[in-house]
Amino acid sequence: MPTFHAAWTCGGVAATVLALLTKNWSFEAVAVAGVLVPLALVAAPYVRGAGPVTPIGDDGSKVPWRRILPVGIAMVLFYMVDTAATTWGPSYLHHVFGSGAALVAVATLPYLVASLVGRASGDRLAEHFGAANLVRSAAFVGAAGLGVVVFAPHPLIAVLGFTVAGLGLSAVAPLAFSAAAKIAREQTLSEHEAVRAKVDAIIARFNQFNYLGGILGAVMTGAVGNDSLRYGFAIPMVLVLFLAPLARSFR
């Protein structure tokens, strides 16, 4: 899963670079190149007909929430940091340090590149050290990176902090999906029911933690950081440490 999520991060890096390259383009040109063409490419296979699709639907699967909840909380904590960094990072550089447009524009690019590196190596690291140890380490590396952001005396130091946080925390979300899938598979096997469909259904429900973390990260950071975004980033800096006790659920 970490390597698979690296492809997602590649999309974020590509979008950031595309935005930088097209910042002087007209709105119409950006709309055609950045929206209409990709949509056409995505829709093309379905226009030709991709064959029958078997919907998963709600098959009445019992979700083992008691076991999945700690892993879901870890997902929430990660996405709180991720959304705070990508949503409020540029504003932080602009309002706290008065950074120019050039630095603000690339504020999240090092974070995304570091996330890409962390996810690309996440499978091997998890195999070598264990997923639980990797998540436990992510808690302290992520908190350290956000600490650099909060106390940074210079915008480039803040960018370095975001980079460290991205590198340390990037594998948490894909490892959480892996852990949830393993829990779901154990649940279905114990009931002697169709494994694949039930795992898919449970993972679909588990994905709600993603959105909860995203909402909390965007709203909480902005609300607490109304006077200064330093305070806003101090909240995820502390909360991300709770990944350490939750790490045992990833075994």
C-alpha atoms as a PDB file:
ATOM      1  CA  MET A   1       0.000   0.000   0.000  1.00  0.00           C
ATOM      2  CA  PRO A   2       2.734   2.605   0.670  1.00  0.00           C
ATOM      3  CA  THR A   3       4.132   2.137  -2.847  1.00  0.00           C
ATOM      4  CA  PHE A   4       0.627   2.287  -4.281  1.00  0.00           C
ATOM      5  CA  HIS A   5      -0.025   5.556  -2.433  1.00  0.00           C
ATOM      6  CA  ALA A   6       3.213   6.908  -3.885  1.00  0.00           C
ATOM      7  CA  ALA A   7       1.352   7.151  -7.201  1.00  0.00           C
ATOM      8  CA  TRP A   8      -1.189   9.382  -5.474  1.00  0.00           C
ATOM      9  CA  THR A   9       1.623  11.615  -4.260  1.00  0.00           C
ATOM     10  CA  CYS A  10       3.034  11.721  -7.794  1.00  0.00           C
ATOM     11  CA  GLY A  11      -0.269  13.277  -8.806  1.00  0.00           C
ATOM     12  CA  GLY A  12       0.144  15.970  -6.154  1.00  0.00           C
ATOM     13  CA  VAL A  13       3.692  16.734  -7.281  1.00  0.00           C
ATOM     14  CA  ALA A  14       2.617  16.844 -10.943  1.00  0.00           C
ATOM     15  CA  ALA A  15      -0.289  19.172 -10.125  1.00  0.00           C
ATOM     16  CA  THR A  16       1.984  21.525  -8.173  1.00  0.00           C
ATOM     17  CA  VAL A  17       4.521  21.653 -10.988  1.00  0.00           C
ATOM     18  CA  LEU A  18       1.739  22.159 -13.542  1.00  0.00           C
ATOM     19  CA  ALA A  19       0.353  25.060 -11.499  1.00  0.00           C
ATOM     20  CA  LEU A  20       3.795  26.683 -11.416  1.00  0.00           C
ATOM     21  CA  LEU A  21       4.317  26.252 -15.149  1.00  0.00           C
ATOM     22  CA  THR A  22       0.905  27.664 -16.035  1.00  0.00           C
ATOM     23  CA  LYS A  23       0.718  30.527 -13.524  1.00  0.00           C
ATOM     24  CA  ASN A  24       0.968  33.099 -16.339  1.00  0.00           C
ATOM     25  CA  TRP A  25      -1.470  31.366 -18.668  1.00  0.00           C
ATOM     26  CA  SER A  26      -4.952  32.693 -19.340  1.00  0.00           C
ATOM     27  CA  PHE A  27      -7.859  31.098 -17.515  1.00  0.00           C
ATOM     28  CA  GLU A  28      -9.207  29.538 -20.707  1.00  0.00           C
ATOM     29  CA  ALA A  29      -5.874  27.905 -21.557  1.00  0.00           C
ATOM     30  CA  VAL A  30      -5.484  26.509 -18.048  1.00  0.00           C
ATOM     31  CA  ALA A  31      -9.047  25.161 -18.131  1.00  0.00           C
ATOM     32  CA  VAL A  32      -8.402  23.291 -21.378  1.00  0.00           C
ATOM     33  CA  ALA A  33      -4.946  21.948 -20.479  1.00  0.00           C
ATOM     34  CA  GLY A  34      -5.519  21.275 -16.795  1.00  0.00           C
ATOM     35  CA  VAL A  35      -9.137  20.172 -16.640  1.00  0.00           C
ATOM     36  CA  LEU A  36     -10.811  19.251 -19.926  1.00  0.00           C
ATOM     37  CA  VAL A  37      -7.981  17.148 -21.382  1.00  0.00           C
ATOM     38  CA  PRO A  38      -7.455  15.007 -18.239  1.00  0.00           C
ATOM     39  CA  LEU A  39     -11.224  14.523 -17.895  1.00  0.00           C
ATOM     40  CA  ALA A  40     -11.429  13.362 -21.498  1.00  0.00           C
ATOM     41  CA  LEU A  41      -8.585  10.883 -20.967  1.00  0.00           C
ATOM     42  CA  VAL A  42     -10.213   9.501 -17.836  1.00  0.00           C
ATOM     43  CA  ALA A  43     -13.641   9.194 -19.484  1.00  0.00           C
ATOM     44  CA  ALA A  44     -12.382   7.571 -22.697  1.00  0.00           C
ATOM     45  CA  PRO A  45     -12.298   3.942 -21.464  1.00  0.00           C
ATOM     46  CA  TYR A  46     -15.873   4.210 -20.195  1.00  0.00           C
ATOM     47  CA  VAL A  47     -17.104   5.658 -23.469  1.00  0.00           C
ATOM     48  CA  ARG A  48     -15.741   2.603 -25.298  1.00  0.00           C
ATOM     49  CA  GLY A  49     -17.216   0.303 -22.683  1.00  0.00           C
ATOM     50  CA  ALA A  50     -15.058  -1.314 -20.048  1.00  0.00           C
ATOM     51  CA  GLY A  51     -17.225  -4.411 -19.614  1.00  0.00           C
ATOM     52  CA  PRO A  52     -19.660  -5.335 -16.867  1.00  0.00           C
ATOM     53  CA  VAL A  53     -19.119  -3.887 -13.421  1.00  0.00           C
ATOM     54  CA  THR A  54     -20.096  -5.854 -10.341  1.00  0.00           C
ATOM     55  CA  PRO A  55     -21.197  -3.417  -7.613  1.00  0.00           C
ATOM     56  CA  ILE A  56     -20.138  -4.216  -4.074  1.00  0.00           C
ATOM     57  CA  GLY A  57     -23.089  -2.492  -2.496  1.00  0.00           C
ATOM     58  CA  ASP A  58     -24.091  -2.894   1.128  1.00  0.00           C
ATOM     59  CA  ASP A  59     -23.859  -6.597   1.782  1.00  0.00           C
ATOM     60  CA  GLY A  60     -24.579  -6.308   5.474  1.00  0.00           C
ATOM     61  CA  SER A  61     -20.962  -6.777   6.468  1.00  0.00           C
ATOM     62  CA  LYS A  62     -20.307  -6.397  10.136  1.00  0.00           C
ATOM     63  CA  VAL A  63     -17.556  -3.859  10.567  1.00  0.00           C
ATOM     64  CA  PRO A  64     -15.205  -4.774  13.453  1.00  0.00           C
ATOM     65  CA  TRP A  65     -15.122  -1.182  14.659  1.00  0.00           C
ATOM     66  CA  ARG A  66     -13.575  -1.994  18.038  1.00  0.00           C
ATOM     67  CA  ARG A  67     -10.409  -3.294  16.366  1.00  0.00           C
ATOM     68  CA  ILE A  68     -10.431  -0.894  13.430  1.00  0.00           C
ATOM     69  CA  LEU A  69     -11.076   2.281  15.446  1.00  0.00           C
ATOM     70  CA  PRO A  70      -7.468   2.741  16.719  1.00  0.00           C
ATOM     71  CA  VAL A  71      -6.177   2.409  13.160  1.00  0.00           C
ATOM     72  CA  GLY A  72      -8.880   4.841  12.013  1.00  0.00           C
ATOM     73  CA  ILE A  73      -7.838   7.379  14.649  1.00  0.00           C
ATOM     74  CA  ALA A  74      -4.280   7.109  13.339  1.00  0.00           C
ATOM     75  CA  MET A  75      -5.652   7.889   9.866  1.00  0.00           C
ATOM     76  CA  VAL A  76      -7.462  10.931  11.239  1.00  0.00           C
ATOM     77  CA  LEU A  77      -4.270  12.194  12.889  1.00  0.00           C
ATOM     78  CA  PHE A  78      -2.264  11.775   9.684  1.00  0.00           C
ATOM     79  CA  TYR A  79      -4.789  13.570   7.504  1.00  0.00           C
ATOM     80  CA  MET A  80      -5.059  16.387  10.037  1.00  0.00           C
ATOM     81  CA  VAL A  81      -1.352  17.036   9.488  1.00  0.00           C
ATOM     82  CA  ASP A  82      -1.494  16.408   5.744  1.00  0.00           C
ATOM     83  CA  THR A  83      -4.414  18.771   5.163  1.00  0.00           C
ATOM     84  CA  ALA A  84      -2.958  21.414   7.474  1.00  0.00           C
ATOM     85  CA  ALA A  85       0.352  21.332   5.591  1.00  0.00           C
ATOM     86  CA  THR A  86      -1.091  21.424   2.087  1.00  0.00           C
ATOM     87  CA  THR A  87      -3.941  23.843   2.864  1.00  0.00           C
ATOM     88  CA  TRP A  88      -2.343  26.258   5.320  1.00  0.00           C
ATOM     89  CA  GLY A  89       1.362  25.871   4.501  1.00  0.00           C
ATOM     90  CA  PRO A  90       1.423  28.575   1.802  1.00  0.00           C
ATOM     91  CA  SER A  91      -0.661  30.923   3.977  1.00  0.00           C
ATOM     92  CA  TYR A  92       1.711  30.310   6.871  1.00  0.00           C
ATOM     93  CA  LEU A  93       4.721  31.431   4.826  1.00  0.00           C
ATOM     94  CA  HIS A  94       2.849  34.457   3.506  1.00  0.00           C
ATOM     95  CA  HIS A  95       1.244  35.761   6.694  1.00  0.00           C
ATOM     96  CA  VAL A  96       3.879  34.846   9.283  1.00  0.00           C
ATOM     97  CA  PHE A  97       7.017  35.615   7.275  1.00  0.00           C
ATOM     98  CA  GLY A  98       5.685  37.849   4.512  1.00  0.00           C
ATOM     99  CA  SER A  99       7.193  35.524   1.907  1.00  0.00           C
ATOM    100  CA  GLY A 100       6.924  36.489  -1.747  1.00  0.00           C
ATOM    101  CA  ALA A 101       4.805  34.732  -4.340  1.00  0.00           C
ATOM    102  CA  ALA A 102       7.685  32.591  -5.604  1.00  0.00           C
ATOM    103  CA  LEU A 103       8.295  30.866  -2.251  1.00  0.00           C
ATOM    104  CA  VAL A 104       4.606  30.652  -1.392  1.00  0.00           C
ATOM    105  CA  ALA A 105       3.945  28.923  -4.710  1.00  0.00           C
ATOM    106  CA  VAL A 106       6.380  26.095  -3.966  1.00  0.00           C
ATOM    107  CA  ALA A 107       5.635  25.866  -0.228  1.00  0.00           C
ATOM    108  CA  THR A 108       4.094  22.392  -0.393  1.00  0.00           C
ATOM    109  CA  LEU A 109       6.292  20.948  -3.159  1.00  0.00           C
ATOM    110  CA  PRO A 110       9.127  19.772  -0.831  1.00  0.00           C
ATOM    111  CA  TYR A 111       6.491  18.263   1.476  1.00  0.00           C
ATOM    112  CA  LEU A 112       4.993  16.297  -1.418  1.00  0.00           C
ATOM    113  CA  VAL A 113       8.384  15.172  -2.727  1.00  0.00           C
ATOM    114  CA  ALA A 114       9.373  13.995   0.760  1.00  0.00           C
ATOM    115  CA  SER A 115       6.055  12.142   1.025  1.00  0.00           C
ATOM    116  CA  LEU A 116       6.770  10.490  -2.305  1.00  0.00           C
ATOM    117  CA  VAL A 117      10.168   9.297  -1.079  1.00  0.00           C
ATOM    118  CA  GLY A 118       8.693   8.039   2.200  1.00  0.00           C
ATOM    119  CA  ARG A 119       5.920   6.109   0.479  1.00  0.00           C
ATOM    120  CA  ALA A 120       8.155   4.702  -2.236  1.00  0.00           C
ATOM    121  CA  SER A 121      10.360   3.163   0.467  1.00  0.00           C
ATOM    122  CA  GLY A 122       7.520   2.416   2.887  1.00  0.00           C
ATOM    123  CA  ASP A 123       6.979  -1.217   1.866  1.00  0.00           C
ATOM    124  CA  ARG A 124      10.611  -2.177   2.412  1.00  0.00           C
ATOM    125  CA  LEU A 125      10.828  -0.253   5.677  1.00  0.00           C
ATOM    126  CA  ALA A 126       7.649  -1.869   6.990  1.00  0.00           C
ATOM    127  CA  GLU A 127       8.902  -5.300   5.986  1.00  0.00           C
ATOM    128  CA  HIS A 128      12.258  -4.730   7.661  1.00  0.00           C
ATOM    129  CA  PHE A 129      11.216  -2.886  10.848  1.00  0.00           C
ATOM    130  CA  GLY A 130       7.541  -3.785  11.112  1.00  0.00           C
ATOM    131  CA  ALA A 131       4.546  -1.537  10.486  1.00  0.00           C
ATOM    132  CA  ALA A 132       4.052  -0.779  14.182  1.00  0.00           C
ATOM    133  CA  ASN A 133       7.623   0.428  14.643  1.00  0.00           C
ATOM    134  CA  LEU A 134       7.377   2.504  11.470  1.00  0.00           C
ATOM    135  CA  VAL A 135       4.197   4.234  12.696  1.00  0.00           C
ATOM    136  CA  ARG A 136       5.726   4.775  16.131  1.00  0.00           C
ATOM    137  CA  SER A 137       8.761   6.431  14.553  1.00  0.00           C
ATOM    138  CA  ALA A 138       6.471   8.503  12.345  1.00  0.00           C
ATOM    139  CA  ALA A 139       4.881  10.014  15.454  1.00  0.00           C
ATOM    140  CA  PHE A 140       8.159  11.474  16.697  1.00  0.00           C
ATOM    141  CA  VAL A 141       9.559  12.461  13.292  1.00  0.00           C
ATOM    142  CA  GLY A 142       6.275  14.141  12.375  1.00  0.00           C
ATOM    143  CA  ALA A 143       6.106  16.008  15.683  1.00  0.00           C
ATOM    144  CA  ALA A 144       9.724  17.116  15.276  1.00  0.00           C
ATOM    145  CA  GLY A 145       9.026  18.406  11.759  1.00  0.00           C
ATOM    146  CA  LEU A 146       5.967  20.339  12.891  1.00  0.00           C
ATOM    147  CA  GLY A 147       7.959  21.677  15.824  1.00  0.00           C
ATOM    148  CA  VAL A 148      10.442  23.141  13.350  1.00  0.00           C
ATOM    149  CA  VAL A 149       7.489  24.697  11.498  1.00  0.00           C
ATOM    150  CA  VAL A 150       6.014  26.249  14.654  1.00  0.00           C
ATOM    151  CA  PHE A 151       9.285  27.718  15.945  1.00  0.00           C
ATOM    152  CA  ALA A 152      10.934  28.479  12.600  1.00  0.00           C
ATOM    153  CA  PRO A 153      12.725  31.853  12.526  1.00  0.00           C
ATOM    154  CA  HIS A 154      12.885  31.881   8.716  1.00  0.00           C
ATOM    155  CA  PRO A 155      10.523  30.699   5.950  1.00  0.00           C
ATOM    156  CA  LEU A 156      13.064  28.263   4.503  1.00  0.00           C
ATOM    157  CA  ILE A 157      13.383  26.647   7.930  1.00  0.00           C
ATOM    158  CA  ALA A 158       9.596  26.265   7.986  1.00  0.00           C
ATOM    159  CA  VAL A 159       9.708  24.602   4.545  1.00  0.00           C
ATOM    160  CA  LEU A 160      12.360  22.244   5.937  1.00  0.00           C
ATOM    161  CA  GLY A 161      10.023  21.404   8.808  1.00  0.00           C
ATOM    162  CA  PHE A 162       7.198  20.564   6.404  1.00  0.00           C
ATOM    163  CA  THR A 163       9.630  18.373   4.463  1.00  0.00           C
ATOM    164  CA  VAL A 164      10.651  16.427   7.575  1.00  0.00           C
ATOM    165  CA  ALA A 165       7.003  15.973   8.573  1.00  0.00           C
ATOM    166  CA  GLY A 166       6.098  14.718   5.106  1.00  0.00           C
ATOM    167  CA  LEU A 167       8.980  12.262   5.052  1.00  0.00           C
ATOM    168  CA  GLY A 168       8.166  10.879   8.493  1.00  0.00           C
ATOM    169  CA  LEU A 169       4.388  10.625   8.271  1.00  0.00           C
ATOM    170  CA  SER A 170       3.816   9.676   4.649  1.00  0.00           C
ATOM    171  CA  ALA A 171       3.494   5.923   5.198  1.00  0.00           C
ATOM    172  CA  VAL A 172       0.923   6.162   8.008  1.00  0.00           C
ATOM    173  CA  ALA A 173      -2.180   6.344   5.792  1.00  0.00           C
ATOM    174  CA  PRO A 174      -1.324   3.424   3.462  1.00  0.00           C
ATOM    175  CA  LEU A 175      -0.230   1.308   6.420  1.00  0.00           C
ATOM    176  CA  ALA A 176      -3.562   2.106   8.078  1.00  0.00           C
ATOM    177  CA  PHE A 177      -5.411   0.808   5.018  1.00  0.00           C
ATOM    178  CA  SER A 178      -3.289  -2.353   5.102  1.00  0.00           C
ATOM    179  CA  ALA A 179      -4.005  -2.881   8.795  1.00  0.00           C
ATOM    180  CA  ALA A 180      -7.742  -2.343   8.302  1.00  0.00           C
ATOM    181  CA  ALA A 181      -7.761  -4.818   5.417  1.00  0.00           C
ATOM    182  CA  LYS A 182      -6.028  -7.456   7.537  1.00  0.00           C
ATOM    183  CA  ILE A 183      -8.538  -6.944  10.357  1.00  0.00           C
ATOM    184  CA  ALA A 184     -11.413  -7.144   7.875  1.00  0.00           C
ATOM    185  CA  ARG A 185     -10.006 -10.318   6.333  1.00  0.00           C
ATOM    186  CA  GLU A 186      -9.749 -11.979   9.739  1.00  0.00           C
ATOM    187  CA  GLN A 187     -13.325 -10.963  10.452  1.00  0.00           C
ATOM    188  CA  THR A 188     -14.658 -12.427   7.205  1.00  0.00           C
ATOM    189  CA  LEU A 189     -12.680 -15.663   7.476  1.00  0.00           C
ATOM    190  CA  SER A 190     -14.025 -16.254  10.969  1.00  0.00           C
ATOM    191  CA  GLU A 191     -17.571 -16.017   9.578  1.00  0.00           C
ATOM    192  CA  HIS A 192     -16.848 -18.178   6.503  1.00  0.00           C
ATOM    193  CA  GLU A 193     -18.212 -15.559   4.096  1.00  0.00           C
ATOM    194  CA  ALA A 194     -16.983 -14.175   0.773  1.00  0.00           C
ATOM    195  CA  VAL A 195     -13.708 -12.507   1.722  1.00  0.00           C
ATOM    196  CA  ARG A 196     -12.996 -10.102  -1.088  1.00  0.00           C
ATOM    197  CA  ALA A 197     -16.400  -8.385  -1.260  1.00  0.00           C
ATOM    198  CA  LYS A 198     -16.537  -7.923   2.503  1.00  0.00           C
ATOM    199  CA  VAL A 199     -13.006  -6.568   2.738  1.00  0.00           C
ATOM    200  CA  ASP A 200     -13.851  -4.079  -0.023  1.00  0.00           C
ATOM    201  CA  ALA A 201     -17.022  -3.004   1.770  1.00  0.00           C
ATOM    202  CA  ILE A 202     -15.248  -2.547   5.099  1.00  0.00           C
ATOM    203  CA  ILE A 203     -12.368  -0.598   3.515  1.00  0.00           C
ATOM    204  CA  ALA A 204     -14.914   1.672   1.814  1.00  0.00           C
ATOM    205  CA  ARG A 205     -16.338   2.488   5.235  1.00  0.00           C
ATOM    206  CA  PHE A 206     -12.872   2.844   6.720  1.00  0.00           C
ATOM    207  CA  ASN A 207     -12.074   5.538   4.139  1.00  0.00           C
ATOM    208  CA  GLN A 208     -14.413   7.880   6.012  1.00  0.00           C
ATOM    209  CA  PHE A 209     -11.611   8.476   8.512  1.00  0.00           C
ATOM    210  CA  ASN A 210      -9.712  10.103   5.636  1.00  0.00           C
ATOM    211  CA  TYR A 211     -12.374  12.788   5.200  1.00  0.00           C
ATOM    212  CA  LEU A 212     -12.807  13.329   8.922  1.00  0.00           C
ATOM    213  CA  GLY A 213      -9.084  14.007   9.310  1.00  0.00           C
ATOM    214  CA  GLY A 214      -9.103  16.307   6.291  1.00  0.00           C
ATOM    215  CA  ILE A 215     -11.968  18.378   7.658  1.00  0.00           C
ATOM    216  CA  LEU A 216     -10.470  18.615  11.148  1.00  0.00           C
ATOM    217  CA  GLY A 217      -7.033  19.536   9.791  1.00  0.00           C
ATOM    218  CA  ALA A 218      -8.371  22.323   7.604  1.00  0.00           C
ATOM    219  CA  VAL A 219     -10.857  23.781  10.085  1.00  0.00           C
ATOM    220  CA  MET A 220      -8.969  23.354  13.362  1.00  0.00           C
ATOM    221  CA  THR A 221      -5.662  24.732  12.065  1.00  0.00           C
ATOM    222  CA  GLY A 222      -7.371  27.767  10.587  1.00  0.00           C
ATOM    223  CA  ALA A 223      -9.586  28.418  13.605  1.00  0.00           C
ATOM    224  CA  VAL A 224      -6.861  28.072  16.234  1.00  0.00           C
ATOM    225  CA  GLY A 225      -4.414  29.957  14.029  1.00  0.00           C
ATOM    226  CA  ASN A 226      -6.719  32.887  13.452  1.00  0.00           C
ATOM    227  CA  ASP A 227      -4.293  35.244  15.212  1.00  0.00           C
ATOM    228  CA  SER A 228      -1.136  33.389  14.193  1.00  0.00           C
ATOM    229  CA  LEU A 229      -0.790  30.167  12.222  1.00  0.00           C
ATOM    230  CA  ARG A 230       2.063  29.204  14.526  1.00  0.00           C
ATOM    231  CA  TYR A 231      -0.638  28.310  17.069  1.00  0.00           C
ATOM    232  CA  GLY A 232      -2.597  26.525  14.372  1.00  0.00           C
ATOM    233  CA  PHE A 233       0.290  24.178  13.562  1.00  0.00           C
ATOM    234  CA  ALA A 234       1.025  23.626  17.264  1.00  0.00           C
ATOM    235  CA  ILE A 235      -2.205  21.598  17.547  1.00  0.00           C
ATOM    236  CA  PRO A 236      -1.259  18.852  15.040  1.00  0.00           C
ATOM    237  CA  MET A 237       2.315  18.979  16.399  1.00  0.00           C
ATOM    238  CA  VAL A 238       0.995  17.718  19.743  1.00  0.00           C
ATOM    239  CA  LEU A 239      -1.803  15.463  18.470  1.00  0.00           C
ATOM    240  CA  VAL A 240       0.445  13.543  16.087  1.00  0.00           C
ATOM    241  CA  LEU A 241       2.324  12.149  19.102  1.00  0.00           C
ATOM    242  CA  PHE A 242      -0.732  10.008  19.840  1.00  0.00           C
ATOM    243  CA  LEU A 243       0.311   7.879  16.868  1.00  0.00           C
ATOM    244  CA  ALA A 244       2.907   6.294  19.162  1.00  0.00           C
ATOM    245  CA  PRO A 245       0.461   4.463  21.470  1.00  0.00           C
ATOM    246  CA  LEU A 246      -1.797   3.644  18.508  1.00  0.00           C
ATOM    247  CA  ALA A 247       1.087   1.973  16.642  1.00  0.00           C
ATOM    248  CA  ARG A 248       0.519  -1.392  18.321  1.00  0.00           C
ATOM    249  CA  SER A 249      -2.756  -1.719  16.370  1.00  0.00           C
ATOM    250  CA  PHE A 250      -0.727  -1.909  13.150  1.00  0.00           C
ATOM    251  CA  ARG A 251       0.868  -5.252  14.016  1.00  0.00           C
END
